[in-house]
């Protein structure tokens, strides 16, 4: 029971993990445009695949560092206000860290196509935050609702949303359902690869430079 309560608080903190990836991914590409360095970057011999992957890796590293700091602050605060405090095991900490890392990577991959189709950092962040509002709704609801106990027609809808699987991975670990936890990770990896694929296929350097 104590682990389940801790898992819910950790699931809620995932929103603060995903959030920094939006800021850094948008600035890593469109920030180059606003600083008038995008043309120089695109004119280099680097392929569009290496350009996109390179930007994602840099954004993920910085985003993960920020995400860890943000989530630690949330966890410390929640543990202070929780009546019995958080019960954290080594396994739960490792799983939460792995989920957080995967969530940052997946978020960066999902919003990259949006960034590439936007004209400015502000417009990219505005569109991305609409997506993150969905994530916020999911992670906030985990404080009060067990997703796996919802009616099947609601749960099936939530399972279509990639951010749901980050929360389910933590709860499945606590319940000892390691197979389903692995499935959650595989689904997140699948959404990550899909986001990267769409980004590479839709990348248009001319449109990116000329868009206003």
Protein backbone atom coordinates (compact mmCIF):
# COMPACT_ATOMS: atom_id res chain seq x y z
CA UNK A 1 0.00 0.00 0.00
CA UNK A 2 2.83 2.39 0.88
CA UNK A 3 4.59 1.60 -2.41
CA UNK A 4 1.36 2.21 -4.33
CA UNK A 5 1.01 5.65 -2.73
CA UNK A 6 4.63 6.42 -3.55
CA UNK A 7 4.09 5.24 -7.13
CA UNK A 8 1.15 7.62 -7.55
CA UNK A 9 3.22 10.57 -6.37
CA UNK A 10 6.07 9.56 -8.69
CA UNK A 11 3.65 9.22 -11.61
CA UNK A 12 2.38 12.74 -10.96
CA UNK A 13 5.96 14.07 -10.95
CA UNK A 14 6.41 12.77 -14.53
CA UNK A 15 4.78 15.91 -15.87
CA UNK A 16 7.71 17.94 -14.60
CA UNK A 17 10.04 15.46 -16.31
CA UNK A 18 8.44 15.84 -19.74
CA UNK A 19 8.06 19.61 -19.62
CA UNK A 20 11.73 20.72 -20.08
CA UNK A 21 12.10 18.71 -23.29
CA UNK A 22 9.62 21.04 -25.00
CA UNK A 23 11.63 24.16 -24.20
CA UNK A 24 15.03 22.77 -25.16
CA UNK A 25 13.89 21.02 -28.34
CA UNK A 26 12.14 24.12 -29.64
CA UNK A 27 15.10 26.37 -28.93
CA UNK A 28 17.66 23.94 -30.31
CA UNK A 29 16.21 24.24 -33.83
CA UNK A 30 14.10 27.39 -34.04
CA UNK A 31 16.49 29.23 -31.73
CA UNK A 32 19.08 28.78 -34.49
CA UNK A 33 16.65 30.43 -36.89
CA UNK A 34 16.01 33.42 -34.62
CA UNK A 35 19.75 33.82 -34.03
CA UNK A 36 20.32 33.76 -37.83
CA UNK A 37 22.58 30.69 -37.63
CA UNK A 38 20.21 28.12 -39.11
CA UNK A 39 21.28 28.76 -42.72
CA UNK A 40 24.91 28.12 -41.80
CA UNK A 41 23.99 24.95 -39.94
CA UNK A 42 21.92 23.56 -42.81
CA UNK A 43 24.60 24.38 -45.38
CA UNK A 44 27.08 22.03 -43.66
CA UNK A 45 27.66 18.56 -45.16
CA UNK A 46 25.69 16.95 -42.30
CA UNK A 47 22.65 14.97 -43.41
CA UNK A 48 19.20 15.92 -42.21
CA UNK A 49 19.10 12.70 -40.18
CA UNK A 50 22.29 13.52 -38.29
CA UNK A 51 21.11 17.11 -37.83
CA UNK A 52 17.80 16.07 -36.28
CA UNK A 53 19.33 13.29 -34.15
CA UNK A 54 22.12 15.61 -32.98
CA UNK A 55 19.65 18.28 -31.90
CA UNK A 56 17.53 15.69 -30.14
CA UNK A 57 20.48 14.20 -28.26
CA UNK A 58 21.62 17.62 -27.04
CA UNK A 59 18.10 18.57 -25.99
CA UNK A 60 17.56 15.23 -24.24
CA UNK A 61 20.78 15.51 -22.22
CA UNK A 62 19.99 19.03 -21.01
CA UNK A 63 16.32 18.21 -20.59
CA UNK A 64 17.10 15.11 -18.53
CA UNK A 65 19.34 17.05 -16.15
CA UNK A 66 16.65 19.68 -15.68
CA UNK A 67 13.95 17.03 -15.41
CA UNK A 68 15.80 15.19 -12.64
CA UNK A 69 16.19 18.41 -10.67
CA UNK A 70 12.51 19.31 -11.15
CA UNK A 71 11.20 15.86 -10.26
CA UNK A 72 13.45 15.61 -7.19
CA UNK A 73 12.03 18.89 -5.96
CA UNK A 74 8.49 17.63 -6.46
CA UNK A 75 9.26 14.30 -4.76
CA UNK A 76 10.86 16.01 -1.76
CA UNK A 77 7.90 18.36 -1.43
CA UNK A 78 5.34 15.56 -1.75
CA UNK A 79 7.23 13.42 0.76
CA UNK A 80 7.12 16.30 3.23
CA UNK A 81 3.36 16.73 2.97
CA UNK A 82 2.56 13.01 2.81
CA UNK A 83 1.40 11.73 6.19
CA UNK A 84 3.67 8.70 6.23
CA UNK A 85 6.26 9.93 3.75
CA UNK A 86 7.36 8.19 0.58
CA UNK A 87 8.54 4.60 0.62
CA UNK A 88 11.28 4.39 -1.99
CA UNK A 89 13.08 1.15 -2.80
CA UNK A 90 16.19 0.85 -4.94
CA UNK A 91 14.16 -0.88 -7.64
CA UNK A 92 11.46 1.79 -7.66
CA UNK A 93 14.08 4.54 -7.89
CA UNK A 94 15.83 2.80 -10.81
CA UNK A 95 12.55 2.19 -12.65
CA UNK A 96 11.45 5.79 -12.11
CA UNK A 97 14.79 7.08 -13.42
CA UNK A 98 14.53 4.79 -16.47
CA UNK A 99 10.95 5.90 -17.13
CA UNK A 100 11.96 9.55 -16.75
CA UNK A 101 14.83 9.16 -19.22
CA UNK A 102 12.61 7.38 -21.73
CA UNK A 103 9.88 9.99 -21.27
CA UNK A 104 12.29 12.84 -22.03
CA UNK A 105 13.49 11.07 -25.19
CA UNK A 106 9.94 10.26 -26.30
CA UNK A 107 8.68 13.79 -25.64
CA UNK A 108 11.54 15.27 -27.68
CA UNK A 109 10.78 12.87 -30.54
CA UNK A 110 7.04 13.60 -30.48
CA UNK A 111 7.37 17.38 -30.56
CA UNK A 112 10.21 17.50 -33.13
CA UNK A 113 7.80 17.28 -36.12
CA UNK A 114 5.83 20.16 -34.58
CA UNK A 115 9.01 22.21 -34.15
CA UNK A 116 10.06 21.59 -37.74
CA UNK A 117 6.69 22.84 -39.00
CA UNK A 118 6.62 25.95 -36.79
CA UNK A 119 7.84 29.42 -37.67
CA UNK A 120 9.15 30.47 -34.26
CA UNK A 121 10.05 29.16 -30.82
CA UNK A 122 6.91 30.72 -29.37
CA UNK A 123 4.57 29.09 -31.89
CA UNK A 124 6.28 25.72 -31.46
CA UNK A 125 5.96 25.88 -27.69
CA UNK A 126 2.32 26.95 -27.95
CA UNK A 127 1.48 23.92 -30.08
CA UNK A 128 3.60 21.60 -27.95
CA UNK A 129 1.99 22.74 -24.73
CA UNK A 130 -1.40 21.73 -26.09
CA UNK A 131 -0.04 18.21 -26.24
CA UNK A 132 1.47 18.52 -22.78
CA UNK A 133 -1.88 19.51 -21.34
CA UNK A 134 -2.98 15.98 -22.19
CA UNK A 135 0.04 14.63 -20.31
CA UNK A 136 -0.75 16.88 -17.36
CA UNK A 137 -4.31 15.57 -17.25
CA UNK A 138 -3.07 11.99 -17.19
CA UNK A 139 -0.37 12.48 -14.56
CA UNK A 140 -2.59 14.62 -12.35
CA UNK A 141 -5.36 12.04 -12.49
CA UNK A 142 -2.98 9.32 -11.23
CA UNK A 143 -3.12 10.98 -7.81
CA UNK A 144 -6.77 10.02 -7.51
CA UNK A 145 -7.52 7.33 -10.10
CA UNK A 146 -6.01 3.93 -10.84
CA UNK A 147 -5.86 3.86 -14.64
CA UNK A 148 -5.93 0.07 -14.69
CA UNK A 149 -9.23 0.02 -12.78
CA UNK A 150 -11.04 2.38 -15.14
CA UNK A 151 -13.77 1.04 -17.45
CA UNK A 152 -12.21 -0.67 -20.46
CA UNK A 153 -13.57 1.88 -22.95
CA UNK A 154 -11.83 4.71 -21.06
CA UNK A 155 -8.64 2.76 -20.46
CA UNK A 156 -8.39 1.84 -24.16
CA UNK A 157 -8.54 5.50 -25.10
CA UNK A 158 -5.83 6.37 -22.58
CA UNK A 159 -3.60 3.57 -23.86
CA UNK A 160 -3.51 5.27 -27.26
CA UNK A 161 -1.81 8.25 -25.61
CA UNK A 162 1.96 7.61 -25.30
CA UNK A 163 2.32 9.50 -22.01
CA UNK A 164 -0.02 7.02 -20.30
CA UNK A 165 2.56 4.25 -20.63
CA UNK A 166 5.14 6.14 -18.57
CA UNK A 167 2.77 6.17 -15.61
CA UNK A 168 1.71 2.56 -16.18
CA UNK A 169 5.33 1.38 -16.24
CA UNK A 170 5.80 2.60 -12.66
CA UNK A 171 2.50 1.17 -11.39
CA UNK A 172 3.13 -2.16 -13.14
CA UNK A 173 6.52 -2.41 -11.44
CA UNK A 174 4.98 -1.84 -8.02
CA UNK A 175 2.35 -4.51 -8.77
CA UNK A 176 5.04 -6.95 -9.87
CA UNK A 177 3.73 -7.04 -13.43
CA UNK A 178 7.14 -6.86 -15.06
CA UNK A 179 5.98 -8.19 -18.42
CA UNK A 180 3.45 -5.38 -18.80
CA UNK A 181 6.07 -2.90 -17.61
CA UNK A 182 8.33 -4.09 -20.44
CA UNK A 183 5.43 -3.64 -22.87
CA UNK A 184 5.00 -0.06 -21.64
CA UNK A 185 8.67 0.62 -22.35
CA UNK A 186 8.45 -0.94 -25.81
CA UNK A 187 5.43 1.19 -26.67
CA UNK A 188 7.29 4.33 -25.57
CA UNK A 189 10.26 3.29 -27.72
CA UNK A 190 7.87 2.73 -30.62
CA UNK A 191 6.41 6.24 -30.31
CA UNK A 192 9.96 7.62 -30.11
CA UNK A 193 11.02 5.89 -33.32
CA UNK A 194 7.80 7.01 -35.01
CA UNK A 195 8.44 10.63 -34.03
CA UNK A 196 12.00 10.47 -35.36
CA UNK A 197 10.83 8.85 -38.60
CA UNK A 198 8.16 11.51 -39.19
CA UNK A 199 10.68 14.27 -38.41
CA UNK A 200 13.19 12.95 -40.95
CA UNK A 201 10.56 12.39 -43.65
CA UNK A 202 8.93 15.80 -43.23
CA UNK A 203 12.10 17.84 -42.76
CA UNK A 204 12.14 20.69 -45.28
CA UNK A 205 15.10 23.02 -44.80
CA UNK A 206 13.81 25.60 -47.28
CA UNK A 207 10.42 25.84 -45.62
CA UNK A 208 12.02 25.99 -42.20
CA UNK A 209 14.22 28.93 -43.21
CA UNK A 210 11.58 30.88 -45.13
CA UNK A 211 8.61 30.39 -42.80
CA UNK A 212 7.57 33.47 -40.82
